[in-house]
N, C-alpha and C. Protein backbone atom coordinates (compact mmCIF):
# COMPACT_ATOMS: atom_id res chain seq x y z
N MET A 1 11.98 117.44 -26.26
CA MET A 1 10.01 116.95 -24.47
C MET A 1 8.82 117.38 -26.07
N VAL A 2 7.52 116.70 -24.96
CA VAL A 2 6.49 116.42 -26.47
C VAL A 2 5.47 116.95 -25.20
N THR A 3 4.57 118.61 -25.59
CA THR A 3 3.86 119.29 -24.43
C THR A 3 3.62 119.52 -25.27
N HIS A 4 1.78 119.82 -24.38
CA HIS A 4 1.42 120.86 -25.10
C HIS A 4 1.10 122.12 -24.20
N ASP A 5 2.19 122.61 -23.09
CA ASP A 5 2.18 123.70 -22.59
C ASP A 5 2.65 124.86 -22.91
N LEU A 6 2.14 125.37 -23.83
CA LEU A 6 2.45 126.71 -23.46
C LEU A 6 2.83 127.59 -23.04
N ASP A 7 2.67 127.47 -21.50
CA ASP A 7 3.97 128.27 -20.89
C ASP A 7 5.55 127.55 -20.55
N SER A 8 5.08 126.95 -20.62
CA SER A 8 6.76 126.21 -20.60
C SER A 8 7.63 125.86 -21.98
N LEU A 9 6.24 126.05 -22.84
CA LEU A 9 7.92 126.18 -24.68
C LEU A 9 7.97 127.57 -24.66
N TRP A 10 6.64 128.86 -23.49
CA TRP A 10 7.37 130.30 -23.84
C TRP A 10 8.55 130.16 -22.76
N ARG A 11 8.58 129.58 -21.44
CA ARG A 11 9.17 130.03 -21.15
C ARG A 11 11.17 129.01 -21.54
N ILE A 12 11.42 127.92 -22.06
CA ILE A 12 12.21 127.22 -21.86
C ILE A 12 12.80 126.31 -23.54
N SER A 13 11.93 127.02 -24.83
CA SER A 13 12.50 126.26 -25.76
C SER A 13 13.30 126.96 -26.90
N ASP A 14 14.66 126.55 -27.35
CA ASP A 14 14.86 127.55 -27.90
C ASP A 14 14.02 127.00 -30.26
N ARG A 15 13.51 126.89 -29.83
CA ARG A 15 12.99 125.66 -30.92
C ARG A 15 11.76 124.69 -30.46
N VAL A 16 10.27 124.60 -32.26
CA VAL A 16 9.00 124.07 -31.55
C VAL A 16 8.99 123.62 -33.28
N ALA A 17 8.36 122.52 -32.79
CA ALA A 17 7.76 121.58 -34.23
C ALA A 17 6.60 121.52 -34.08
N VAL A 18 5.69 122.39 -35.00
CA VAL A 18 4.22 121.74 -34.22
C VAL A 18 3.86 120.88 -35.23
N LEU A 19 3.69 119.99 -34.85
CA LEU A 19 2.38 117.94 -35.40
C LEU A 19 1.01 118.96 -35.22
N GLY A 20 0.67 118.18 -36.45
CA GLY A 20 -1.27 118.30 -36.87
C GLY A 20 -1.55 117.61 -37.87
N ASN A 21 -2.46 116.47 -38.42
CA ASN A 21 -2.53 116.48 -39.92
C ASN A 21 -1.80 115.75 -39.56
N GLY A 22 -1.19 115.11 -38.60
CA GLY A 22 -0.21 113.59 -39.70
C GLY A 22 0.74 114.09 -39.93
N THR A 23 1.28 115.63 -39.72
CA THR A 23 2.01 116.70 -39.83
C THR A 23 3.29 117.34 -38.94
N VAL A 24 4.59 117.67 -39.89
CA VAL A 24 4.67 118.58 -39.32
C VAL A 24 4.20 119.82 -39.59
N LEU A 25 3.48 121.24 -39.07
CA LEU A 25 2.89 121.99 -39.64
C LEU A 25 3.94 123.38 -39.87
N GLY A 26 4.54 123.12 -38.90
CA GLY A 26 5.89 124.04 -39.02
C GLY A 26 7.34 124.10 -38.08
N ILE A 27 8.06 124.80 -37.96
CA ILE A 27 9.17 124.62 -37.08
C ILE A 27 9.89 126.14 -36.91
N GLY A 28 9.61 126.22 -35.88
CA GLY A 28 10.38 128.08 -35.69
C GLY A 28 10.58 128.35 -33.94
N THR A 29 10.84 129.69 -33.73
CA THR A 29 10.51 130.10 -32.62
C THR A 29 9.38 130.10 -31.88
N MET A 30 9.39 129.65 -31.07
CA MET A 30 8.12 131.00 -30.81
C MET A 30 7.21 131.55 -31.17
N GLN A 31 8.32 132.70 -31.44
CA GLN A 31 8.12 133.99 -32.00
C GLN A 31 7.33 134.36 -33.58
N GLU A 32 8.30 133.53 -33.89
CA GLU A 32 8.08 132.82 -35.28
C GLU A 32 6.75 132.08 -35.62
N LEU A 33 6.74 131.27 -34.71
CA LEU A 33 5.20 130.51 -34.95
C LEU A 33 3.90 130.95 -34.77
N SER A 34 4.11 132.02 -32.84
CA SER A 34 3.36 133.21 -33.38
C SER A 34 2.66 133.89 -34.16
N ARG A 35 3.64 134.34 -35.79
CA ARG A 35 3.08 134.41 -36.34
C ARG A 35 3.07 133.27 -37.65
N SER A 36 2.30 132.62 -37.45
CA SER A 36 2.20 131.69 -38.70
C SER A 36 0.65 131.93 -39.49
N ALA A 37 0.87 131.32 -40.73
CA ALA A 37 -0.93 131.60 -40.94
C ALA A 37 -1.24 130.39 -41.21
N ASP A 38 -0.84 129.77 -40.69
CA ASP A 38 -1.36 128.43 -40.47
C ASP A 38 -2.87 128.78 -40.26
N PRO A 39 -3.66 127.54 -40.14
CA PRO A 39 -5.11 127.54 -39.70
C PRO A 39 -4.66 126.70 -37.81
N VAL A 40 -4.12 125.90 -38.13
CA VAL A 40 -4.20 125.17 -37.26
C VAL A 40 -3.47 126.08 -36.28
N ILE A 41 -2.02 126.31 -36.17
CA ILE A 41 -0.81 126.80 -35.62
C ILE A 41 -1.51 128.11 -35.26
N HIS A 42 -2.30 129.23 -35.71
CA HIS A 42 -2.34 130.00 -35.56
C HIS A 42 -3.53 129.93 -34.47
N GLU A 43 -4.75 129.13 -34.57
CA GLU A 43 -5.82 128.40 -33.03
C GLU A 43 -5.24 128.34 -32.09
N TYR A 44 -3.74 127.40 -32.08
CA TYR A 44 -3.46 127.46 -30.86
C TYR A 44 -2.47 128.17 -29.95
N PHE A 45 -2.27 129.44 -30.92
CA PHE A 45 -1.21 130.32 -30.64
C PHE A 45 -2.19 130.99 -30.14
N HIS A 46 -2.96 131.65 -30.63
CA HIS A 46 -4.57 133.25 -30.90
C HIS A 46 -5.01 132.40 -29.80
N GLY A 47 -5.58 131.38 -29.47
CA GLY A 47 -7.62 131.05 -29.24
C GLY A 47 -6.46 130.99 -27.55
N PRO A 48 -7.52 131.61 -26.50
CA PRO A 48 -7.97 132.21 -25.13
C PRO A 48 -6.43 131.88 -24.65
N ARG A 49 -6.17 130.33 -24.42
CA ARG A 49 -5.18 129.73 -23.84
C ARG A 49 -3.98 129.88 -24.83
N GLY A 50 -3.36 129.76 -25.48
CA GLY A 50 -2.54 130.81 -26.56
C GLY A 50 -2.04 132.22 -26.73
N ARG A 51 -2.99 133.06 -25.91
CA ARG A 51 -2.59 134.87 -25.22
C ARG A 51 -2.05 134.45 -24.17
N ALA A 52 -3.12 133.81 -23.24
CA ALA A 52 -2.28 133.72 -21.70
C ALA A 52 -0.88 133.60 -21.69
N ALA A 53 -0.35 132.23 -22.17
CA ALA A 53 0.93 131.65 -22.07
C ALA A 53 1.72 133.15 -22.23
N ARG A 54 0.93 133.14 -24.16
CA ARG A 54 2.44 134.45 -24.28
C ARG A 54 2.35 135.28 -23.62
N GLU A 55 1.01 136.68 -23.12
CA GLU A 55 1.89 138.05 -21.86
C GLU A 55 2.34 137.09 -20.87
N GLN A 56 2.31 136.18 -19.58
CA GLN A 56 2.93 135.71 -18.98
C GLN A 56 3.96 135.82 -19.64
N ALA A 57 4.73 135.05 -20.64
CA ALA A 57 5.92 134.88 -21.53
C ALA A 57 6.89 136.82 -21.49
N VAL A 58 5.22 137.15 -22.19
CA VAL A 58 6.05 138.54 -22.09
C VAL A 58 6.47 139.38 -20.92
N LYS A 59 5.60 139.21 -20.30
CA LYS A 59 6.27 139.81 -18.40
C LYS A 59 7.19 139.28 -17.85
N GLY A 60 7.45 138.13 -18.09
CA GLY A 60 8.50 137.26 -17.67
C GLY A 60 9.14 137.25 -16.50
């Protein structure tokens, strides 16, 4: 599945590959990727939309 929908990723994925800048930037669980030091991945997970999706997933 290819998506930018963080809500779906938190709910249904076991492992995720993050693509950016023409390459694979990271592969792992959502928890692992949310701790990534890569600036592109970090912004995706810790920007306003990323924080909201994670909070919803934790509330479950």
